[in-house]
N, C-alpha and C. Protein backbone atom coordinates (compact mmCIF):
# COMPACT_ATOMS: atom_id res chain seq x y z
N MET A 1 2.51 11.00 -13.06
CA MET A 1 2.49 11.24 -11.63
C MET A 1 3.90 11.05 -11.08
N ASN A 2 4.32 11.92 -10.20
CA ASN A 2 5.67 11.84 -9.67
C ASN A 2 5.75 10.86 -8.50
N ASN A 3 6.97 10.62 -8.04
CA ASN A 3 7.19 9.67 -6.94
C ASN A 3 7.34 10.36 -5.61
N ILE A 4 6.75 11.52 -5.47
CA ILE A 4 6.83 12.30 -4.24
C ILE A 4 5.42 12.53 -3.73
N TYR A 5 5.24 12.35 -2.44
CA TYR A 5 3.97 12.66 -1.80
C TYR A 5 4.24 13.86 -0.91
N GLY A 6 3.49 14.94 -1.06
CA GLY A 6 3.77 16.12 -0.27
C GLY A 6 2.54 16.94 0.01
N GLU A 7 2.71 17.88 0.91
CA GLU A 7 1.63 18.78 1.25
C GLU A 7 2.20 20.14 1.58
N ASP A 8 1.38 21.15 1.41
CA ASP A 8 1.80 22.50 1.74
C ASP A 8 1.91 22.64 3.25
N SER A 9 3.07 23.03 3.72
CA SER A 9 3.30 23.12 5.16
C SER A 9 2.73 24.41 5.75
N GLY A 10 2.36 25.36 4.89
CA GLY A 10 1.86 26.63 5.37
C GLY A 10 2.98 27.61 5.70
N LYS A 11 4.20 27.19 5.51
CA LYS A 11 5.36 28.03 5.81
C LYS A 11 6.10 28.43 4.54
N GLY A 12 5.42 28.29 3.39
CA GLY A 12 6.03 28.72 2.15
C GLY A 12 6.79 27.64 1.42
N PHE A 13 6.77 26.43 1.90
CA PHE A 13 7.42 25.33 1.19
C PHE A 13 6.58 24.07 1.32
N VAL A 14 6.85 23.13 0.45
CA VAL A 14 6.11 21.88 0.45
C VAL A 14 6.99 20.79 1.04
N LYS A 15 6.45 20.11 2.01
CA LYS A 15 7.17 18.99 2.61
C LYS A 15 6.97 17.78 1.71
N GLU A 16 8.07 17.24 1.17
CA GLU A 16 7.98 16.13 0.24
C GLU A 16 8.63 14.89 0.83
N VAL A 17 7.97 13.77 0.64
CA VAL A 17 8.46 12.49 1.14
C VAL A 17 8.38 11.49 0.00
N PRO A 18 9.46 10.74 -0.25
CA PRO A 18 9.41 9.74 -1.33
C PRO A 18 8.37 8.65 -1.06
N ILE A 19 7.68 8.23 -2.10
CA ILE A 19 6.66 7.19 -1.99
C ILE A 19 7.26 5.89 -1.46
N SER A 20 8.53 5.65 -1.72
CA SER A 20 9.16 4.40 -1.29
C SER A 20 9.14 4.24 0.23
N ILE A 21 9.13 5.34 0.96
CA ILE A 21 9.05 5.26 2.43
C ILE A 21 7.69 4.70 2.84
N PHE A 22 6.64 5.15 2.17
CA PHE A 22 5.31 4.64 2.47
C PHE A 22 5.16 3.19 2.04
N ALA A 23 5.86 2.82 0.97
CA ALA A 23 5.82 1.42 0.51
C ALA A 23 6.40 0.50 1.57
N LYS A 24 7.43 0.93 2.26
CA LYS A 24 8.00 0.13 3.35
C LYS A 24 7.01 -0.02 4.50
N ALA A 25 6.26 1.02 4.79
CA ALA A 25 5.24 0.94 5.84
C ALA A 25 4.14 -0.04 5.44
N VAL A 26 3.74 0.01 4.17
CA VAL A 26 2.71 -0.91 3.68
C VAL A 26 3.25 -2.33 3.69
N GLU A 27 4.50 -2.50 3.31
CA GLU A 27 5.12 -3.83 3.32
C GLU A 27 5.10 -4.43 4.74
N GLY A 28 5.42 -3.62 5.72
CA GLY A 28 5.36 -4.08 7.11
C GLY A 28 3.95 -4.45 7.53
N ALA A 29 2.97 -3.69 7.06
CA ALA A 29 1.58 -3.96 7.39
C ALA A 29 1.10 -5.25 6.73
N ILE A 30 1.62 -5.55 5.56
CA ILE A 30 1.23 -6.77 4.86
C ILE A 30 1.62 -7.99 5.69
N PHE A 31 2.77 -7.93 6.33
CA PHE A 31 3.20 -9.05 7.17
C PHE A 31 2.32 -9.20 8.42
N LYS A 32 1.70 -8.12 8.86
CA LYS A 32 0.85 -8.14 10.05
C LYS A 32 -0.62 -8.42 9.73
N ALA A 33 -1.01 -8.20 8.49
CA ALA A 33 -2.42 -8.31 8.10
C ALA A 33 -2.87 -9.77 8.07
N PRO A 34 -4.14 -10.00 8.44
CA PRO A 34 -4.66 -11.37 8.38
C PRO A 34 -4.90 -11.81 6.93
N LEU A 35 -4.66 -13.08 6.68
CA LEU A 35 -4.98 -13.64 5.36
C LEU A 35 -6.46 -13.98 5.33
N ARG A 36 -7.13 -13.54 4.30
CA ARG A 36 -8.56 -13.80 4.14
C ARG A 36 -8.75 -14.95 3.15
N ASP A 37 -9.97 -15.14 2.70
CA ASP A 37 -10.26 -16.21 1.76
C ASP A 37 -9.40 -16.11 0.50
N ASN A 38 -8.99 -17.25 -0.02
CA ASN A 38 -8.14 -17.34 -1.21
C ASN A 38 -6.81 -16.61 -1.05
N ASN A 39 -6.29 -16.59 0.16
CA ASN A 39 -4.99 -15.95 0.45
C ASN A 39 -4.94 -14.49 0.01
N ARG A 40 -6.00 -13.77 0.32
CA ARG A 40 -6.09 -12.33 0.03
C ARG A 40 -5.77 -11.52 1.27
N ILE A 41 -5.27 -10.34 1.03
CA ILE A 41 -5.17 -9.33 2.08
C ILE A 41 -6.09 -8.19 1.65
N TYR A 42 -6.91 -7.74 2.57
CA TYR A 42 -7.85 -6.67 2.25
C TYR A 42 -7.21 -5.30 2.47
N LEU A 43 -7.56 -4.38 1.59
CA LEU A 43 -7.07 -3.02 1.70
C LEU A 43 -7.51 -2.38 3.02
N SER A 44 -8.69 -2.71 3.48
CA SER A 44 -9.17 -2.14 4.75
C SER A 44 -8.29 -2.57 5.92
N ASP A 45 -7.73 -3.78 5.86
CA ASP A 45 -6.82 -4.23 6.91
C ASP A 45 -5.52 -3.43 6.88
N LEU A 46 -5.00 -3.16 5.68
CA LEU A 46 -3.77 -2.36 5.56
C LEU A 46 -4.02 -0.93 6.04
N TRP A 47 -5.18 -0.40 5.72
CA TRP A 47 -5.54 0.94 6.17
C TRP A 47 -5.63 0.99 7.70
N PHE A 48 -6.24 -0.03 8.28
CA PHE A 48 -6.38 -0.09 9.74
C PHE A 48 -5.03 -0.19 10.43
N ILE A 49 -4.12 -0.98 9.88
CA ILE A 49 -2.81 -1.18 10.49
C ILE A 49 -1.92 0.06 10.34
N THR A 50 -1.93 0.68 9.15
CA THR A 50 -1.01 1.79 8.89
C THR A 50 -1.57 3.17 9.20
N SER A 51 -2.87 3.33 9.15
CA SER A 51 -3.53 4.64 9.28
C SER A 51 -3.14 5.61 8.17
N LEU A 52 -2.65 5.08 7.05
CA LEU A 52 -2.32 5.91 5.89
C LEU A 52 -3.58 6.09 5.05
N PRO A 53 -3.65 7.18 4.29
CA PRO A 53 -4.80 7.36 3.39
C PRO A 53 -4.87 6.23 2.36
N ILE A 54 -6.07 5.83 2.00
CA ILE A 54 -6.29 4.73 1.07
C ILE A 54 -5.58 4.97 -0.26
N ASP A 55 -5.69 6.18 -0.80
CA ASP A 55 -5.07 6.46 -2.09
C ASP A 55 -3.55 6.35 -2.02
N LEU A 56 -2.96 6.69 -0.89
CA LEU A 56 -1.52 6.57 -0.72
C LEU A 56 -1.09 5.11 -0.63
N ILE A 57 -1.90 4.29 0.03
CA ILE A 57 -1.60 2.85 0.11
C ILE A 57 -1.65 2.25 -1.30
N LYS A 58 -2.70 2.59 -2.05
CA LYS A 58 -2.84 2.06 -3.42
C LYS A 58 -1.67 2.51 -4.30
N GLU A 59 -1.30 3.78 -4.21
CA GLU A 59 -0.22 4.30 -5.03
C GLU A 59 1.12 3.67 -4.68
N SER A 60 1.37 3.49 -3.39
CA SER A 60 2.64 2.90 -3.00
C SER A 60 2.73 1.43 -3.41
N ILE A 61 1.61 0.73 -3.43
CA ILE A 61 1.61 -0.66 -3.90
C ILE A 61 1.82 -0.70 -5.41
N SER A 62 1.09 0.13 -6.14
CA SER A 62 1.18 0.08 -7.60
C SER A 62 2.55 0.52 -8.12
N LYS A 63 3.14 1.53 -7.50
CA LYS A 63 4.44 2.03 -7.98
C LYS A 63 5.62 1.21 -7.50
N ASN A 64 5.46 0.49 -6.40
CA ASN A 64 6.59 -0.25 -5.84
C ASN A 64 6.33 -1.74 -5.73
N SER A 65 5.40 -2.27 -6.49
CA SER A 65 5.03 -3.68 -6.35
C SER A 65 6.20 -4.61 -6.64
N GLU A 66 7.08 -4.23 -7.54
CA GLU A 66 8.23 -5.08 -7.86
C GLU A 66 9.28 -5.07 -6.76
N ASP A 67 9.33 -4.01 -5.99
CA ASP A 67 10.35 -3.88 -4.94
C ASP A 67 9.88 -4.41 -3.59
N LEU A 68 8.59 -4.67 -3.45
CA LEU A 68 8.06 -5.15 -2.18
C LEU A 68 8.44 -6.61 -1.96
N ASP A 69 8.86 -6.92 -0.76
CA ASP A 69 9.19 -8.29 -0.39
C ASP A 69 7.97 -8.88 0.31
N LEU A 70 7.15 -9.61 -0.46
CA LEU A 70 5.89 -10.13 0.06
C LEU A 70 5.99 -11.61 0.35
N PRO A 71 5.30 -12.08 1.39
CA PRO A 71 5.31 -13.51 1.69
C PRO A 71 4.74 -14.32 0.53
N GLU A 72 5.24 -15.54 0.37
CA GLU A 72 4.82 -16.40 -0.74
C GLU A 72 3.36 -16.83 -0.67
N ASP A 73 2.78 -16.84 0.52
CA ASP A 73 1.41 -17.33 0.65
C ASP A 73 0.35 -16.28 0.32
N ILE A 74 0.77 -15.07 0.00
CA ILE A 74 -0.18 -14.02 -0.38
C ILE A 74 -0.35 -14.03 -1.90
N ASN A 75 -1.60 -14.20 -2.34
CA ASN A 75 -1.88 -14.24 -3.77
C ASN A 75 -2.35 -12.90 -4.33
N GLU A 76 -3.04 -12.10 -3.48
CA GLU A 76 -3.50 -10.80 -3.98
C GLU A 76 -3.84 -9.85 -2.84
N ILE A 77 -3.82 -8.58 -3.19
CA ILE A 77 -4.28 -7.52 -2.30
C ILE A 77 -5.56 -6.99 -2.92
N TYR A 78 -6.62 -7.01 -2.14
CA TYR A 78 -7.97 -6.77 -2.66
C TYR A 78 -8.60 -5.55 -2.00
N ASP A 79 -9.15 -4.66 -2.83
CA ASP A 79 -9.89 -3.50 -2.33
C ASP A 79 -11.31 -3.95 -2.01
N ASP A 80 -11.56 -4.21 -0.74
CA ASP A 80 -12.86 -4.73 -0.32
C ASP A 80 -13.96 -3.68 -0.32
N TRP A 81 -13.62 -2.43 -0.49
CA TRP A 81 -14.64 -1.38 -0.58
C TRP A 81 -15.12 -1.22 -2.02
N LYS A 82 -14.20 -1.33 -2.98
CA LYS A 82 -14.57 -1.16 -4.39
C LYS A 82 -14.65 -2.48 -5.14
N ASN A 83 -14.43 -3.59 -4.42
CA ASN A 83 -14.53 -4.93 -4.99
C ASN A 83 -13.65 -5.12 -6.23
N LYS A 84 -12.37 -4.78 -6.10
CA LYS A 84 -11.45 -5.03 -7.21
C LYS A 84 -10.06 -5.33 -6.67
N THR A 85 -9.28 -6.01 -7.47
CA THR A 85 -7.93 -6.42 -7.09
C THR A 85 -6.96 -5.29 -7.36
N ILE A 86 -6.11 -4.99 -6.37
CA ILE A 86 -5.09 -3.95 -6.50
C ILE A 86 -3.78 -4.55 -7.00
N TRP A 87 -3.45 -5.72 -6.45
CA TRP A 87 -2.21 -6.41 -6.82
C TRP A 87 -2.48 -7.90 -6.83
N LYS A 88 -1.91 -8.59 -7.81
CA LYS A 88 -2.07 -10.04 -7.89
C LYS A 88 -0.73 -10.66 -8.25
N ARG A 89 -0.40 -11.74 -7.57
CA ARG A 89 0.86 -12.44 -7.83
C ARG A 89 0.81 -13.07 -9.21
N THR A 90 1.86 -12.88 -9.96
CA THR A 90 1.96 -13.49 -11.29
C THR A 90 3.05 -14.54 -11.25
N ASN A 91 2.66 -15.77 -11.39
CA ASN A 91 3.63 -16.88 -11.41
C ASN A 91 3.33 -17.81 -12.54
């Protein structure tokens, strides 16, 4: 999978945006999201704050997890719809 998110503009070209831009938006949302039980952030909260598609949020977290500057009190990002962990702090 490439590091570009794009869509057909209908004008004969595809508008492409680097995933890293969306990762910055998700990073900002992480700072605004409420901490849930066991210091989790729910994917639904990130979706609500950013209004980005769920798959784009997941992809930007998975591809840029090492570059994200996350607060120390966050232990994991949890997909509360599919009941699985997307990201977990490794210490």
